N, C-alpha and C. Protein backbone atom coordinates (compact mmCIF):
# COMPACT_ATOMS: atom_id res chain seq x y z
N MET A 1 -14.81 3.13 -12.25
CA MET A 1 -14.42 1.81 -12.74
C MET A 1 -13.49 1.16 -11.72
N ASP A 2 -13.65 -0.14 -11.55
CA ASP A 2 -12.75 -0.84 -10.64
C ASP A 2 -11.54 -1.38 -11.41
N SER A 3 -10.55 -1.85 -10.68
CA SER A 3 -9.29 -2.29 -11.27
C SER A 3 -9.47 -3.44 -12.25
N TYR A 4 -10.40 -4.34 -11.95
CA TYR A 4 -10.60 -5.50 -12.82
C TYR A 4 -11.26 -5.13 -14.14
N SER A 5 -12.01 -4.05 -14.18
CA SER A 5 -12.63 -3.65 -15.43
C SER A 5 -11.70 -2.77 -16.26
N ILE A 6 -10.67 -2.20 -15.65
CA ILE A 6 -9.73 -1.36 -16.39
C ILE A 6 -8.69 -2.23 -17.10
N ILE A 7 -8.04 -3.12 -16.37
CA ILE A 7 -7.01 -3.99 -16.95
C ILE A 7 -7.68 -5.28 -17.38
N ILE A 8 -7.67 -5.53 -18.69
CA ILE A 8 -8.42 -6.66 -19.22
C ILE A 8 -7.57 -7.93 -19.31
N LYS A 9 -6.43 -7.85 -20.02
CA LYS A 9 -5.58 -9.03 -20.19
C LYS A 9 -4.19 -8.60 -20.64
N PRO A 10 -3.19 -9.47 -20.47
CA PRO A 10 -1.85 -9.15 -20.99
C PRO A 10 -1.87 -9.14 -22.53
N HIS A 11 -1.09 -8.27 -23.10
CA HIS A 11 -0.97 -8.18 -24.55
C HIS A 11 0.36 -8.82 -24.93
N VAL A 12 0.29 -9.98 -25.61
CA VAL A 12 1.50 -10.76 -25.90
C VAL A 12 1.77 -10.76 -27.39
N THR A 13 2.86 -10.11 -27.76
CA THR A 13 3.38 -10.15 -29.13
C THR A 13 4.89 -10.27 -29.03
N GLU A 14 5.53 -10.42 -30.17
CA GLU A 14 6.99 -10.49 -30.17
C GLU A 14 7.60 -9.19 -29.64
N LYS A 15 7.00 -8.07 -30.01
CA LYS A 15 7.50 -6.77 -29.55
C LYS A 15 7.37 -6.64 -28.03
N THR A 16 6.23 -7.04 -27.49
CA THR A 16 6.05 -6.90 -26.04
C THR A 16 6.95 -7.85 -25.26
N MET A 17 7.25 -9.00 -25.83
CA MET A 17 8.18 -9.91 -25.16
C MET A 17 9.58 -9.30 -25.09
N ASN A 18 9.99 -8.61 -26.15
CA ASN A 18 11.28 -7.93 -26.14
C ASN A 18 11.30 -6.78 -25.14
N LEU A 19 10.17 -6.08 -25.01
CA LEU A 19 10.10 -4.98 -24.05
C LEU A 19 10.24 -5.47 -22.61
N ILE A 20 9.75 -6.66 -22.34
CA ILE A 20 9.87 -7.22 -20.99
C ILE A 20 11.35 -7.40 -20.64
N ASP A 21 12.11 -7.96 -21.57
CA ASP A 21 13.53 -8.21 -21.31
C ASP A 21 14.37 -6.94 -21.33
N LEU A 22 14.15 -6.09 -22.31
CA LEU A 22 15.04 -4.95 -22.52
C LEU A 22 14.69 -3.73 -21.69
N ASN A 23 13.41 -3.39 -21.58
CA ASN A 23 13.01 -2.11 -20.97
C ASN A 23 12.26 -2.24 -19.66
N ASN A 24 12.09 -3.45 -19.16
CA ASN A 24 11.33 -3.66 -17.93
C ASN A 24 9.90 -3.13 -18.07
N GLU A 25 9.30 -3.34 -19.24
CA GLU A 25 7.93 -2.91 -19.52
C GLU A 25 7.07 -4.12 -19.80
N ILE A 26 5.80 -4.02 -19.43
CA ILE A 26 4.84 -5.07 -19.72
C ILE A 26 3.60 -4.42 -20.34
N ALA A 27 2.97 -5.10 -21.26
CA ALA A 27 1.84 -4.51 -21.99
C ALA A 27 0.54 -5.23 -21.64
N PHE A 28 -0.52 -4.44 -21.50
CA PHE A 28 -1.84 -4.96 -21.19
C PHE A 28 -2.87 -4.32 -22.10
N VAL A 29 -3.89 -5.10 -22.46
CA VAL A 29 -5.07 -4.54 -23.11
C VAL A 29 -5.91 -3.94 -21.99
N VAL A 30 -6.32 -2.69 -22.19
CA VAL A 30 -7.06 -1.98 -21.14
C VAL A 30 -8.37 -1.43 -21.71
N ASP A 31 -9.25 -1.01 -20.82
CA ASP A 31 -10.51 -0.39 -21.22
C ASP A 31 -10.20 0.90 -21.97
N ARG A 32 -10.87 1.10 -23.07
CA ARG A 32 -10.59 2.25 -23.92
C ARG A 32 -10.91 3.58 -23.25
N ARG A 33 -11.81 3.59 -22.29
CA ARG A 33 -12.19 4.83 -21.61
C ARG A 33 -11.24 5.20 -20.48
N ALA A 34 -10.35 4.30 -20.08
CA ALA A 34 -9.45 4.55 -18.95
C ALA A 34 -8.31 5.48 -19.36
N ASN A 35 -7.96 6.40 -18.45
CA ASN A 35 -6.81 7.27 -18.72
C ASN A 35 -5.56 6.70 -18.04
N LYS A 36 -4.43 7.36 -18.23
CA LYS A 36 -3.16 6.83 -17.74
C LYS A 36 -3.12 6.72 -16.21
N LYS A 37 -3.68 7.69 -15.52
CA LYS A 37 -3.68 7.64 -14.06
C LYS A 37 -4.52 6.47 -13.56
N GLN A 38 -5.68 6.25 -14.16
CA GLN A 38 -6.53 5.14 -13.76
C GLN A 38 -5.83 3.81 -14.02
N ILE A 39 -5.14 3.70 -15.15
CA ILE A 39 -4.42 2.47 -15.48
C ILE A 39 -3.30 2.23 -14.46
N LYS A 40 -2.58 3.29 -14.12
CA LYS A 40 -1.49 3.17 -13.14
C LYS A 40 -2.01 2.68 -11.79
N TYR A 41 -3.06 3.31 -11.29
CA TYR A 41 -3.60 2.92 -9.99
C TYR A 41 -4.20 1.52 -10.02
N ALA A 42 -4.84 1.15 -11.11
CA ALA A 42 -5.42 -0.19 -11.23
C ALA A 42 -4.32 -1.25 -11.25
N PHE A 43 -3.24 -0.99 -11.98
CA PHE A 43 -2.14 -1.94 -12.05
C PHE A 43 -1.49 -2.10 -10.68
N GLU A 44 -1.23 -0.98 -9.99
CA GLU A 44 -0.61 -1.04 -8.67
C GLU A 44 -1.52 -1.74 -7.67
N ASP A 45 -2.82 -1.59 -7.81
CA ASP A 45 -3.77 -2.25 -6.93
C ASP A 45 -3.80 -3.75 -7.18
N LEU A 46 -3.83 -4.17 -8.43
CA LEU A 46 -3.95 -5.59 -8.76
C LEU A 46 -2.67 -6.37 -8.53
N TYR A 47 -1.53 -5.81 -8.94
CA TYR A 47 -0.28 -6.57 -8.94
C TYR A 47 0.70 -6.13 -7.86
N GLU A 48 0.38 -5.09 -7.10
CA GLU A 48 1.20 -4.61 -6.00
C GLU A 48 2.65 -4.35 -6.41
N GLU A 49 2.82 -3.71 -7.55
CA GLU A 49 4.13 -3.30 -8.06
C GLU A 49 4.08 -1.81 -8.34
N LYS A 50 5.18 -1.12 -8.12
CA LYS A 50 5.27 0.32 -8.38
C LYS A 50 5.47 0.56 -9.87
N VAL A 51 4.74 1.54 -10.39
CA VAL A 51 4.79 1.89 -11.81
C VAL A 51 5.56 3.19 -11.98
N GLU A 52 6.51 3.18 -12.93
CA GLU A 52 7.26 4.40 -13.24
C GLU A 52 6.48 5.29 -14.19
N ARG A 53 5.96 4.68 -15.29
CA ARG A 53 5.18 5.47 -16.25
C ARG A 53 4.27 4.54 -17.04
N VAL A 54 3.29 5.16 -17.69
CA VAL A 54 2.34 4.43 -18.53
C VAL A 54 2.23 5.14 -19.86
N ASN A 55 2.41 4.40 -20.94
CA ASN A 55 2.16 4.91 -22.29
C ASN A 55 1.00 4.10 -22.87
N THR A 56 0.13 4.76 -23.62
CA THR A 56 -1.01 4.06 -24.21
C THR A 56 -0.98 4.19 -25.73
N HIS A 57 -1.63 3.24 -26.36
CA HIS A 57 -1.70 3.20 -27.82
C HIS A 57 -3.01 2.54 -28.20
N ILE A 58 -3.71 3.13 -29.17
CA ILE A 58 -4.93 2.51 -29.69
C ILE A 58 -4.59 1.91 -31.04
N THR A 59 -4.79 0.59 -31.16
CA THR A 59 -4.43 -0.11 -32.38
C THR A 59 -5.43 0.20 -33.49
N THR A 60 -5.13 -0.25 -34.68
CA THR A 60 -6.03 -0.05 -35.81
C THR A 60 -7.33 -0.84 -35.66
N LYS A 61 -7.31 -1.83 -34.78
CA LYS A 61 -8.52 -2.61 -34.50
C LYS A 61 -9.38 -1.97 -33.42
N GLY A 62 -8.93 -0.85 -32.87
CA GLY A 62 -9.69 -0.14 -31.85
C GLY A 62 -9.45 -0.62 -30.44
N VAL A 63 -8.38 -1.37 -30.23
CA VAL A 63 -8.04 -1.89 -28.91
C VAL A 63 -7.00 -0.98 -28.27
N LYS A 64 -7.22 -0.61 -27.02
CA LYS A 64 -6.26 0.25 -26.31
C LYS A 64 -5.26 -0.63 -25.56
N VAL A 65 -3.98 -0.39 -25.82
CA VAL A 65 -2.90 -1.13 -25.19
C VAL A 65 -2.10 -0.17 -24.32
N ALA A 66 -1.82 -0.58 -23.09
CA ALA A 66 -1.02 0.22 -22.18
C ALA A 66 0.34 -0.45 -21.99
N TYR A 67 1.40 0.32 -22.20
CA TYR A 67 2.76 -0.14 -21.96
C TYR A 67 3.17 0.41 -20.60
N ILE A 68 3.36 -0.48 -19.64
CA ILE A 68 3.60 -0.09 -18.26
C ILE A 68 5.04 -0.39 -17.89
N LYS A 69 5.80 0.67 -17.55
CA LYS A 69 7.19 0.52 -17.14
C LYS A 69 7.23 0.45 -15.62
N LEU A 70 7.89 -0.59 -15.10
CA LEU A 70 7.95 -0.79 -13.67
C LEU A 70 9.21 -0.17 -13.08
N VAL A 71 9.14 0.21 -11.80
CA VAL A 71 10.25 0.89 -11.14
C VAL A 71 11.41 -0.07 -10.88
N GLU A 72 11.11 -1.21 -10.28
CA GLU A 72 12.17 -2.15 -9.92
C GLU A 72 12.63 -2.94 -11.14
N GLU A 73 13.94 -3.09 -11.27
CA GLU A 73 14.51 -3.86 -12.38
C GLU A 73 14.10 -5.32 -12.28
N GLU A 74 13.89 -5.94 -13.43
CA GLU A 74 13.56 -7.36 -13.56
C GLU A 74 12.17 -7.73 -13.04
N MET A 75 11.38 -6.76 -12.58
CA MET A 75 10.06 -7.09 -12.07
C MET A 75 9.07 -7.42 -13.19
N ALA A 76 9.26 -6.86 -14.36
CA ALA A 76 8.37 -7.18 -15.48
C ALA A 76 8.51 -8.65 -15.86
N GLU A 77 9.74 -9.14 -15.83
CA GLU A 77 9.97 -10.55 -16.16
C GLU A 77 9.35 -11.46 -15.09
N GLU A 78 9.50 -11.12 -13.83
CA GLU A 78 8.91 -11.92 -12.76
C GLU A 78 7.38 -11.90 -12.83
N LEU A 79 6.82 -10.73 -13.14
CA LEU A 79 5.37 -10.63 -13.27
C LEU A 79 4.87 -11.42 -14.47
N ALA A 80 5.60 -11.41 -15.56
CA ALA A 80 5.22 -12.18 -16.74
C ALA A 80 5.23 -13.67 -16.44
N VAL A 81 6.18 -14.13 -15.66
CA VAL A 81 6.23 -15.53 -15.26
C VAL A 81 5.03 -15.87 -14.37
N ARG A 82 4.70 -14.97 -13.43
CA ARG A 82 3.54 -15.18 -12.56
C ARG A 82 2.25 -15.27 -13.34
N LEU A 83 2.14 -14.45 -14.41
CA LEU A 83 0.92 -14.42 -15.22
C LEU A 83 0.87 -15.56 -16.25
N GLY A 84 1.99 -16.25 -16.45
CA GLY A 84 2.04 -17.33 -17.42
C GLY A 84 2.31 -16.87 -18.84
N VAL A 85 2.81 -15.65 -18.99
CA VAL A 85 3.14 -15.13 -20.31
C VAL A 85 4.44 -15.73 -20.82
N PHE A 86 5.40 -15.90 -19.92
CA PHE A 86 6.70 -16.49 -20.28
C PHE A 86 6.66 -17.96 -20.17
C-alpha cells in the first residue's frame, strides 16, 4: 500500500482538537488493514514530520482512527493549520 491509500483524512472531533493542543497529537482516519508501522512510515512520508508513537482505535462504525504523537512540540498545531483543521 502506498502512503496516500493508508492515510485517508484528518479525524476532527472535539476530543481530537483538545489532543492537538494538550498532547501534541493529531488524529487521522486510516485504512483498516494498515498496521502501526505502516501508518508511521506513511505519515512521515506525506507530512515530513517525525512520529514518536502511533495508537489506533476502531470505532463502533468500523472506522480505524490513528492517534499520532509527534516528536517536536507544537508541530501538531502547525500541521493542523496547514491542513485547514484549525
